[in-house]
Amino acid sequence: MYLFYETFSDTYLESANQDQALVYLESLTRLHALFHGKKGNNYSGMRRVYMAREESGGSGNLYRISFQCIVTDYSAQHLFIESQDPYRELEIEKGERPPIEETPPIFDVL
């Protein structure tokens, strides 16, 4: 996710539009608070692993905040339980081979 806020404001003391720059930094802090520790049914708690300023061509301030989590995919999970019936018995009987039926071929071979 990228939050891009185009401004020439800066946070140094007595800079022009310092208030706007501080509002931008507050937005970054809120974004971090929303994602950090967030977890769901299919992913683990998120944690911030990277934050740095990105190159934006000199026209504004662009920061990258990366979060990491473990995604749990249940789509490959079996929907049944494999089991064996201990009361089931296998019977093998010796007998004669069944007769071979002579049927004409489905197509002619030349």
Protein backbone atom coordinates (compact mmCIF):
# COMPACT_ATOMS: atom_id res chain seq x y z
CA MET A 1 0.00 0.00 0.00
CA TYR A 2 1.31 3.43 -0.87
CA LEU A 3 0.17 6.65 0.71
CA PHE A 4 1.17 9.53 -1.52
CA TYR A 5 0.77 13.04 -0.28
CA GLU A 6 2.08 15.65 -2.66
CA THR A 7 3.53 18.54 -0.74
CA PHE A 8 6.62 20.66 -0.45
CA SER A 9 6.10 20.99 3.30
CA ASP A 10 8.82 19.93 5.65
CA THR A 11 8.92 19.26 9.38
CA TYR A 12 11.99 21.27 10.33
CA LEU A 13 11.53 24.14 12.79
CA GLU A 14 9.85 27.21 11.29
CA SER A 15 9.48 25.61 7.85
CA ALA A 16 6.73 26.78 5.51
CA ASN A 17 3.58 24.67 5.93
CA GLN A 18 5.07 22.71 8.84
CA ASP A 19 1.55 21.93 10.08
CA GLN A 20 0.68 20.16 6.82
CA ALA A 21 3.85 18.08 7.01
CA LEU A 22 3.00 17.03 10.56
CA VAL A 23 -0.51 16.05 9.44
CA TYR A 24 1.08 13.83 6.77
CA LEU A 25 3.29 12.15 9.38
CA GLU A 26 0.23 11.64 11.57
CA SER A 27 -1.41 9.84 8.61
CA LEU A 28 1.60 7.50 8.42
CA THR A 29 1.29 6.82 12.15
CA ARG A 30 -2.44 6.03 11.82
CA LEU A 31 -1.74 3.70 8.89
CA HIS A 32 0.87 1.87 10.97
CA ALA A 33 -1.55 1.59 13.90
CA LEU A 34 -4.27 0.10 11.65
CA PHE A 35 -2.07 -2.68 10.28
CA HIS A 36 0.35 -3.46 13.12
CA GLY A 37 -0.84 -6.54 15.02
CA LYS A 38 -3.97 -6.91 12.85
CA LYS A 39 -4.90 -10.55 12.30
CA GLY A 40 -7.75 -12.38 10.66
CA ASN A 41 -9.13 -15.84 9.97
CA ASN A 42 -6.70 -16.49 7.11
CA TYR A 43 -3.60 -14.57 8.16
CA SER A 44 -1.45 -14.16 11.26
CA GLY A 45 -0.71 -10.94 13.10
CA MET A 46 0.92 -8.37 10.84
CA ARG A 47 4.18 -6.74 11.78
CA ARG A 48 6.03 -3.87 10.20
CA VAL A 49 9.27 -4.99 8.60
CA TYR A 50 10.29 -1.91 6.61
CA MET A 51 9.68 1.82 6.41
CA ALA A 52 11.65 4.26 4.29
CA ARG A 53 11.27 7.21 2.01
CA GLU A 54 10.81 6.32 -1.66
CA GLU A 55 11.93 8.29 -4.68
CA SER A 56 9.06 10.38 -6.00
CA GLY A 57 10.74 12.55 -8.59
CA GLY A 58 11.13 15.46 -6.21
CA SER A 59 7.47 16.53 -6.36
CA GLY A 60 6.31 15.22 -3.02
CA ASN A 61 6.87 12.92 -0.10
CA LEU A 62 6.38 9.20 -0.66
CA TYR A 63 7.01 6.65 2.08
CA ARG A 64 6.89 2.88 1.87
CA ILE A 65 5.66 0.89 4.86
CA SER A 66 5.88 -2.91 4.46
CA PHE A 67 4.10 -5.38 6.70
CA GLN A 68 4.59 -9.12 6.92
CA CYS A 69 2.20 -11.89 7.92
CA ILE A 70 1.70 -15.61 7.41
CA VAL A 71 -1.22 -16.45 5.12
CA THR A 72 -3.11 -19.67 5.89
CA ASP A 73 -4.61 -21.33 2.82
CA TYR A 74 -7.23 -23.96 3.64
CA SER A 75 -8.18 -24.58 0.00
CA ALA A 76 -5.97 -27.69 -0.21
CA GLN A 77 -7.27 -29.19 3.01
CA HIS A 78 -9.08 -32.53 2.83
CA LEU A 79 -12.81 -32.29 3.29
CA PHE A 80 -13.03 -35.86 4.58
CA ILE A 81 -11.33 -38.05 7.16
CA GLU A 82 -9.56 -41.12 5.88
CA SER A 83 -10.19 -44.19 8.04
CA GLN A 84 -10.23 -47.94 7.80
CA ASP A 85 -13.09 -50.13 8.97
CA PRO A 86 -11.62 -52.80 11.29
CA TYR A 87 -14.71 -54.98 10.80
CA ARG A 88 -14.39 -55.06 7.03
CA GLU A 89 -13.07 -58.33 5.69
CA LEU A 90 -11.55 -59.15 2.36
CA GLU A 91 -12.48 -62.53 0.94
CA ILE A 92 -10.48 -64.09 -1.88
CA GLU A 93 -12.08 -67.03 -3.63
CA LYS A 94 -10.30 -69.21 -6.14
CA GLY A 95 -12.32 -69.94 -9.20
CA GLU A 96 -12.20 -70.26 -12.92
CA ARG A 97 -11.39 -67.49 -15.28
CA PRO A 98 -14.48 -65.84 -16.74
CA PRO A 99 -15.13 -66.63 -20.38
CA ILE A 100 -13.71 -64.29 -23.02
CA GLU A 101 -16.39 -62.84 -25.20
CA GLU A 102 -15.66 -62.55 -28.88
CA THR A 103 -16.86 -59.15 -30.01
CA PRO A 104 -16.20 -57.54 -33.36
CA PRO A 105 -13.77 -54.58 -33.29
CA ILE A 106 -15.19 -51.07 -33.14
CA PHE A 107 -13.27 -50.07 -36.28
CA ASP A 108 -11.55 -51.85 -39.12
CA VAL A 109 -7.78 -51.93 -39.23
CA LEU A 110 -6.31 -51.94 -42.72
